[in-house]
Protein backbone atom coordinates (compact mmCIF):
# COMPACT_ATOMS: atom_id res chain seq x y z
CA MET A 1 20.19 19.16 -22.00
CA SER A 2 20.70 15.38 -22.20
CA PRO A 3 24.21 14.02 -22.86
CA SER A 4 25.01 12.81 -26.39
CA PRO A 5 24.95 9.03 -27.07
CA SER A 6 28.76 8.88 -26.85
CA GLY A 7 28.68 10.91 -23.65
CA ARG A 8 26.05 8.61 -22.21
CA LEU A 9 28.11 5.53 -23.04
CA GLY A 10 31.14 7.12 -21.42
CA LEU A 11 29.11 7.89 -18.32
CA PHE A 12 27.88 4.28 -18.24
CA TRP A 13 31.44 2.94 -18.04
CA LEU A 14 32.49 5.70 -15.66
CA LEU A 15 29.79 4.59 -13.25
CA ALA A 16 30.46 0.92 -13.84
CA LEU A 17 34.11 1.29 -12.84
CA ALA A 18 33.79 3.91 -10.12
CA LEU A 19 30.98 2.23 -8.24
CA LEU A 20 32.97 -0.93 -7.66
CA ALA A 21 35.31 0.93 -5.31
CA VAL A 22 32.88 2.31 -2.74
CA VAL A 23 31.40 -0.72 -1.00
CA GLY A 24 33.84 -0.83 1.88
CA SER A 25 32.62 2.35 3.60
CA ARG A 26 29.03 1.20 3.86
CA GLU A 27 27.09 -1.16 6.11
CA SER A 28 24.45 -3.66 5.04
CA GLN A 29 21.10 -3.31 6.79
CA LEU A 30 17.54 -3.58 5.50
CA ARG A 31 16.16 -0.57 7.34
CA ILE A 32 13.67 2.13 6.47
CA GLY A 33 15.34 5.26 5.14
CA LYS A 34 18.66 3.58 4.32
CA ALA A 35 20.16 4.60 0.96
CA ILE A 36 21.41 2.08 -1.60
CA ASN A 37 23.02 2.38 -5.01
CA ILE A 38 21.18 0.19 -7.51
CA PHE A 39 24.00 0.53 -10.05
CA LEU A 40 26.40 -1.49 -7.89
CA ARG A 41 24.62 -4.71 -8.88
CA TYR A 42 22.01 -3.64 -11.41
CA GLY A 43 20.58 -6.73 -13.09
CA TYR A 44 22.03 -8.93 -10.35
CA LEU A 45 20.44 -7.55 -7.16
CA GLY A 46 19.50 -11.09 -6.14
CA ILE A 47 23.18 -11.60 -5.29
CA SER A 48 22.89 -9.25 -2.31
CA MET A 49 19.18 -9.54 -1.55
CA ARG A 50 17.62 -12.89 -0.68
CA VAL A 51 14.64 -12.83 -3.04
CA ILE A 52 14.92 -15.99 -5.16
CA PRO A 53 17.00 -19.20 -4.93
CA MET A 54 20.63 -18.36 -5.71
CA ASN A 55 22.27 -21.75 -6.14
CA ASP A 56 22.32 -25.30 -4.87
CA ASN A 57 25.15 -24.79 -2.40
CA VAL A 58 24.43 -24.99 1.31
CA GLU A 59 25.48 -21.75 2.98
CA SER A 60 26.62 -21.72 6.60
CA GLU A 61 25.63 -18.07 7.04
CA ARG A 62 21.98 -17.06 7.16
CA TRP A 63 21.33 -13.64 5.67
CA ILE A 64 18.55 -11.67 3.98
CA PHE A 65 20.21 -8.47 2.85
CA LYS A 66 23.86 -7.76 2.01
CA GLU A 67 23.49 -4.68 -0.18
CA PRO A 68 25.68 -1.79 1.09
CA THR A 69 23.53 0.92 2.70
CA LYS A 70 24.02 4.39 4.12
CA ASN A 71 22.10 6.68 6.48
CA ILE A 72 20.89 9.83 4.76
CA TYR A 73 18.85 11.44 7.56
CA ARG A 74 19.36 11.80 11.28
CA ASN A 75 16.70 10.65 13.75
CA LEU A 76 14.44 9.06 11.13
CA SER A 77 13.22 6.28 13.44
CA GLY A 78 10.24 8.37 14.54
CA LEU A 79 8.85 8.25 10.99
CA ALA A 80 9.34 4.50 10.56
CA GLU A 81 7.16 1.68 11.83
CA SER A 82 7.55 -2.08 11.76
CA HIS A 83 5.31 -5.01 12.61
CA GLU A 84 5.87 -8.73 13.06
CA ASP A 85 3.18 -11.36 12.39
CA THR A 86 3.85 -14.06 14.97
CA THR A 87 0.38 -15.10 16.17
CA PRO A 88 0.51 -18.89 16.59
CA GLY A 89 -1.96 -21.06 14.70
CA ILE A 90 -2.68 -18.41 12.05
CA PHE A 91 -1.13 -18.44 8.56
CA HIS A 92 -0.19 -14.81 7.84
CA GLY A 93 0.11 -14.94 4.10
CA ASP A 94 -1.68 -15.77 0.90
CA PHE A 95 -1.97 -18.25 -1.93
CA HIS A 96 -2.04 -16.82 -5.43
CA MET A 97 -1.33 -17.61 -9.06
CA GLU A 98 -0.30 -15.40 -11.95
CA PHE A 99 -0.82 -16.07 -15.67
CA CYS A 100 2.17 -15.17 -17.81
CA ASP A 101 2.07 -15.15 -21.62
CA ASN A 102 5.87 -15.38 -21.91
CA ARG A 103 9.02 -15.48 -19.83
CA ARG A 104 9.29 -11.71 -19.53
CA GLN A 105 5.88 -11.70 -17.88
CA LEU A 106 7.03 -14.56 -15.65
CA PHE A 107 9.97 -12.50 -14.42
CA GLN A 108 7.70 -9.51 -13.92
CA ALA A 109 5.17 -11.60 -11.98
CA TYR A 110 7.78 -12.98 -9.61
CA PHE A 111 9.04 -9.47 -8.78
CA ARG A 112 5.67 -7.72 -8.88
CA ASP A 113 6.01 -6.46 -5.31
CA PHE A 114 9.43 -4.93 -5.95
CA THR A 115 9.32 -1.30 -7.10
CA VAL A 116 12.10 1.12 -7.94
CA GLU A 117 10.98 4.70 -8.43
CA ARG A 118 11.59 6.11 -11.94
CA MET A 119 12.24 2.62 -13.34
CA ASP A 120 9.64 1.35 -15.82
CA LYS A 121 10.71 -2.29 -15.45
CA PRO A 122 11.94 -2.68 -11.87
CA TRP A 123 12.13 -6.47 -12.15
CA GLU A 124 15.05 -6.05 -14.57
CA ALA A 125 17.16 -4.74 -11.70
CA PHE A 126 17.03 -8.36 -10.49
CA THR A 127 16.69 -10.34 -13.75
CA GLY A 128 18.53 -8.27 -16.37
CA GLY A 129 21.71 -10.28 -15.90
CA TRP A 130 20.05 -13.69 -16.19
CA PHE A 131 20.91 -15.97 -19.08
CA PRO A 132 18.28 -18.63 -19.92
CA ASP A 133 19.96 -21.44 -18.00
CA THR A 134 20.34 -19.18 -14.94
CA ALA A 135 16.69 -18.16 -15.07
CA ALA A 136 15.52 -21.75 -15.47
CA LYS A 137 17.59 -22.94 -12.51
CA LYS A 138 16.31 -20.19 -10.21
CA LEU A 139 12.70 -20.81 -11.23
CA GLY A 140 12.95 -24.58 -10.92
CA ILE A 141 12.22 -25.51 -14.55
CA ASN A 142 14.21 -27.09 -17.37
CA THR A 143 16.13 -24.72 -19.63
CA SER A 144 14.31 -25.95 -22.75
CA PHE A 145 11.06 -24.56 -21.33
CA ILE A 146 12.43 -21.08 -20.71
CA GLN A 147 13.50 -20.59 -24.34
CA GLY A 148 10.64 -22.06 -26.35
CA ASP A 149 7.20 -20.79 -27.30
CA TYR A 150 5.57 -21.40 -23.94
CA SER A 151 3.33 -19.69 -21.41
CA TYR A 152 3.45 -20.04 -17.65
CA VAL A 153 1.44 -20.03 -14.46
CA LEU A 154 3.32 -18.98 -11.34
CA VAL A 155 1.74 -20.48 -8.21
CA ARG A 156 3.01 -19.12 -4.93
CA VAL A 157 2.28 -19.45 -1.22
CA VAL A 158 3.68 -16.53 0.78
CA ARG A 159 4.19 -16.30 4.54
CA PHE A 160 4.70 -12.72 5.81
CA ARG A 161 6.83 -12.24 8.92
CA GLU A 162 7.93 -8.61 9.24
CA THR A 163 6.87 -5.39 7.54
CA GLY A 164 8.46 -1.97 7.74
CA LYS A 165 7.44 1.33 6.18
CA LEU A 166 7.53 5.09 6.51
CA ASN A 167 4.35 6.24 8.23
CA ALA A 168 4.62 9.77 6.79
CA ASP A 169 6.48 11.75 4.13
CA ILE A 170 9.97 12.79 5.15
CA PRO A 171 9.70 16.46 6.25
CA ILE A 172 11.67 18.90 4.15
CA GLU A 173 13.33 20.17 7.33
CA GLN A 174 14.51 16.68 8.38
CA GLN A 175 18.20 16.94 9.22
CA LEU A 176 20.56 15.31 6.71
CA GLU A 177 23.67 13.43 7.73
CA PRO A 178 26.64 15.84 7.40
CA GLU A 179 28.34 13.82 4.63
CA VAL A 180 25.12 13.66 2.62
CA ARG A 181 24.58 17.42 2.96
CA ALA A 182 28.16 18.06 1.86
CA ARG A 183 27.77 15.83 -1.21
CA MET A 184 24.45 17.46 -2.05
CA GLU A 185 26.04 20.92 -1.89
CA GLN A 186 28.97 19.75 -4.07
CA LEU A 187 26.67 18.57 -6.88
CA LYS A 188 26.91 21.03 -9.78
CA ILE A 189 24.19 21.33 -12.41
CA GLY A 190 25.42 19.96 -15.76
CA ASN A 191 28.54 18.43 -14.21
CA LEU A 192 28.56 14.65 -14.66
CA THR A 193 31.50 14.06 -12.34
CA SER A 194 29.74 15.70 -9.39
CA ALA A 195 26.58 13.68 -10.09
CA VAL A 196 28.59 10.43 -10.19
CA GLY A 197 30.31 11.51 -6.97
CA PHE A 198 26.96 11.89 -5.22
CA ILE A 199 25.69 8.53 -6.51
CA GLU A 200 28.81 6.59 -5.55
CA SER A 201 29.10 8.11 -2.08
CA VAL A 202 25.41 8.37 -1.12
CA GLY A 203 23.30 6.28 -3.49
CA THR A 204 20.40 6.42 -5.93
CA HIS A 205 17.40 5.32 -3.82
CA TYR A 206 16.30 4.76 -0.25
CA VAL A 207 14.21 2.01 1.35
CA SER A 208 10.62 3.24 1.75
CA SER A 209 8.99 -0.09 2.69
CA TYR A 210 9.78 -3.78 2.88
CA THR A 211 8.25 -7.13 3.85
CA THR A 212 10.24 -10.17 4.85
CA GLY A 213 9.25 -13.80 5.38
CA ASN A 214 9.45 -16.69 2.95
CA SER A 215 7.49 -18.38 0.19
CA LEU A 216 7.06 -21.57 -1.76
CA PHE A 217 6.52 -21.30 -5.49
CA GLN A 218 6.10 -23.55 -8.51
CA VAL A 219 6.10 -22.72 -12.21
CA PHE A 220 3.76 -24.64 -14.52
CA VAL A 221 4.63 -24.55 -18.23
CA TYR A 222 1.90 -24.74 -20.92
CA SER A 223 1.45 -24.80 -24.64
CA ARG A 224 -0.23 -21.65 -25.94
CA LYS A 225 -3.48 -23.53 -26.59
CA ASN A 226 -3.80 -25.08 -23.14
CA PHE A 227 -2.68 -21.87 -21.45
CA LYS A 228 -5.45 -19.91 -23.15
CA MET A 229 -8.00 -22.51 -22.09
CA ILE A 230 -7.03 -22.55 -18.40
CA LYS A 231 -6.61 -18.78 -18.26
CA GLU A 232 -10.09 -18.11 -19.63
CA ARG A 233 -11.69 -20.77 -17.45
CA ILE A 234 -10.18 -19.61 -14.17
CA ARG A 235 -10.56 -15.91 -14.87
CA SER A 236 -14.21 -16.27 -15.86
CA LYS A 237 -15.25 -18.73 -13.14
CA GLY A 238 -12.76 -17.90 -10.41
CA LEU A 239 -10.37 -20.33 -8.77
CA ASN A 240 -12.77 -21.26 -5.97
CA ALA A 241 -15.53 -22.16 -8.46
CA LEU A 242 -13.46 -25.02 -9.87
CA SER A 243 -13.90 -28.50 -8.47
CA LYS A 244 -10.85 -30.08 -6.92
CA LEU A 245 -10.75 -32.57 -9.80
CA ASP A 246 -10.78 -29.79 -12.41
CA LEU A 247 -8.13 -27.89 -10.52
CA TYR A 248 -5.80 -30.87 -10.35
CA ASN A 249 -6.44 -31.71 -14.01
CA TYR A 250 -5.44 -28.23 -15.20
CA PHE A 251 -2.18 -28.40 -13.24
CA ALA A 252 -1.39 -32.05 -13.95
CA PRO A 253 1.49 -33.39 -16.06
CA TRP A 254 -0.93 -34.56 -18.77
CA PHE A 255 -2.27 -31.02 -19.28
CA ALA A 256 0.82 -28.91 -18.60
CA GLU A 257 3.93 -29.35 -20.72
CA HIS A 258 6.15 -29.28 -17.65
CA LEU A 259 5.78 -29.06 -13.87
CA GLY A 260 8.58 -27.14 -12.24
CA GLN A 261 10.13 -28.05 -8.93
CA ILE A 262 8.69 -26.52 -5.77
CA ARG A 263 11.25 -23.97 -4.61
CA SER A 264 11.44 -21.67 -1.61
CA ALA A 265 12.46 -18.03 -2.11
CA SER A 266 15.36 -18.56 0.30
CA ALA A 267 16.36 -21.96 -1.14
CA ASN A 268 15.62 -23.46 2.29
CA ALA A 269 16.36 -27.16 1.82
CA THR A 270 14.26 -28.20 4.84
CA VAL A 271 11.15 -26.49 3.49
CA GLU A 272 11.68 -27.91 0.00
CA ARG A 273 12.09 -31.44 1.36
CA TRP A 274 8.86 -30.99 3.32
CA ALA A 275 7.10 -29.92 0.13
CA ARG A 276 8.33 -32.93 -1.85
CA ARG A 277 7.11 -35.25 0.91
CA LYS A 278 3.80 -33.61 1.87
CA LEU A 279 2.62 -32.21 -1.45
CA GLN A 280 2.62 -35.41 -3.49
CA TYR A 281 -0.53 -36.12 -5.44
CA GLU A 282 -1.40 -39.53 -6.81
CA TYR A 283 -3.82 -40.14 -9.65
CA TYR A 284 -4.04 -43.85 -10.45
CA VAL A 285 -0.42 -44.78 -11.27
CA VAL A 286 0.80 -41.21 -11.77
CA LYS A 287 2.55 -39.44 -8.88
CA TYR A 288 3.67 -35.85 -8.93
CA VAL A 289 4.31 -32.96 -6.56
CA THR A 290 2.02 -29.94 -6.78
CA LEU A 291 1.69 -26.75 -4.77
CA LEU A 292 -2.05 -26.86 -5.51
CA LYS A 293 -2.37 -29.37 -2.70
CA LEU A 294 -2.03 -26.43 -0.29
CA HIS A 295 -5.05 -24.62 -1.73
CA GLY A 296 -7.75 -24.59 0.92
CA ASN A 297 -5.86 -27.07 3.11
CA SER A 298 -5.66 -25.37 6.52
CA THR A 299 -3.90 -28.34 8.14
CA LEU A 300 -1.01 -28.28 5.70
CA LEU A 301 -0.83 -24.48 5.82
CA ARG A 302 -0.52 -24.51 9.60
CA SER A 303 2.24 -27.08 9.33
CA LEU A 304 3.99 -24.98 6.70
CA ASP A 305 3.63 -21.86 8.83
CA THR A 306 6.22 -23.11 11.31
CA LEU A 307 8.70 -23.91 8.52
CA LEU A 308 8.56 -20.67 6.53
CA GLY A 309 10.77 -18.39 8.59
CA ASN A 310 12.03 -14.85 8.17
CA ASP A 311 14.49 -15.87 5.47
CA ALA A 312 13.75 -13.76 2.37
CA ILE A 313 12.58 -10.37 1.12
CA LEU A 314 9.04 -10.57 -0.27
CA GLN A 315 8.36 -6.90 -1.01
CA LEU A 316 10.60 -3.89 -1.41
CA GLU A 317 9.90 -0.28 -2.37
CA LEU A 318 12.83 1.94 -3.28
CA LYS A 319 12.27 5.66 -3.74
CA SER A 320 14.55 8.08 -5.52
CA LEU A 321 16.97 10.17 -3.47
CA ASN A 322 15.54 13.33 -5.01
CA VAL A 323 14.16 14.03 -1.50
CA VAL A 324 17.51 15.45 -0.44
CA PHE A 325 17.35 18.04 -3.23
CA ARG A 326 13.85 19.39 -2.53
CA GLU A 327 15.20 22.80 -1.54
CA HIS A 328 17.19 22.93 -4.80
CA PRO A 329 14.82 22.18 -7.75
CA GLU A 330 17.48 22.62 -10.45
CA LYS A 331 19.83 20.17 -8.74
CA GLU A 332 16.92 17.77 -8.29
CA SER A 333 16.20 17.95 -12.02
CA TRP A 334 19.86 17.33 -12.90
CA PHE A 335 20.09 14.37 -10.49
CA HIS A 336 16.99 12.83 -12.09
CA GLU A 337 18.37 13.34 -15.61
CA VAL A 338 21.61 11.53 -14.76
CA LEU A 339 19.72 8.80 -12.88
CA ASP A 340 17.21 8.24 -15.71
CA ASN A 341 19.88 8.16 -18.44
CA ASN A 342 21.96 5.62 -16.57
CA MET A 343 19.05 3.33 -15.72
CA LYS A 344 18.27 3.19 -19.44
CA LEU A 345 21.92 2.48 -20.31
CA TRP A 346 22.26 -0.30 -17.74
CA GLU A 347 19.02 -1.84 -18.97
CA LEU A 348 20.29 -1.86 -22.58
CA ASN A 349 23.57 -3.47 -21.56
CA MET A 350 22.03 -6.40 -19.69
CA PRO A 351 22.44 -9.93 -21.19
CA GLN A 352 18.68 -10.54 -21.05
CA ASN A 353 18.11 -7.75 -23.55
CA HIS A 354 20.56 -9.24 -26.06
CA ALA A 355 19.36 -12.84 -25.91
CA SER A 356 16.93 -14.10 -28.52
CA ARG A 357 13.39 -14.05 -27.19
């Protein structure tokens, strides 16, 4: 039976307060099979995972992942595999664009390769806490263009460096860490306190796969009319069927309402300076910087390849920790009920869901 609305709200605050006190006993490693608790920073996961520019401050410490993690299984390395793309002279990545009718779709597009099992809108684990000015700053556009009646095209060049994943399902007989087994055995069906105890000491999800590297991206802002025109043209003809002149015209300042800055996912100032210098386009007396200059340009891509390091998370799959309850179906069901109810509550309490759209 699901908790009443008042019980759910009480559980929301219980988790919100209790989960702040458990970070110290954990380590922070992006590794396959490591457990994390998404409620520690739900809506603000970009604070502890390098996925999008955080701020304009220069940081002395280089990091990709700071989210507290915990081992749940012993000897899991045999089920995990990783691969690094380091072949010189080859750009291991891709160039793509996504058409977004509104800002919600823009957020979704940016985090399309981030999945959280049992969460319908996984991108909100990263964006739910964003206010309009925060979102605009991270995406490199002016705040006025994140709040109005606009559509967007997200253009991105991604360079993959390292991938990790489970190469098989975790066997049901895989040995749990002693603390995890103890917490699993202590969980009582229908008892919220025991469910919260498991979540705060073990977690909610585990890392099933990840890809790291870096990317450059640029957001182009359009009126509804021009957005519809470019969307239909490119989707019907294909990007490669457009002439270079047509391509530059569609993404030029006289066709788009606003051209965002070129940003790197890691806010790498060296890469962004390179982009401002190398990706300038001049049409008569008009000069502007466009990521489209990289499209089909193997020389520039090879040059960029050496600059885009292993500085950000590009893809992440988190799976529910129900795996530890597979021998106890009723406990698994109760864990999922508590997890699902709280993900809904955290989503409803995020600033993004109270701002005018």
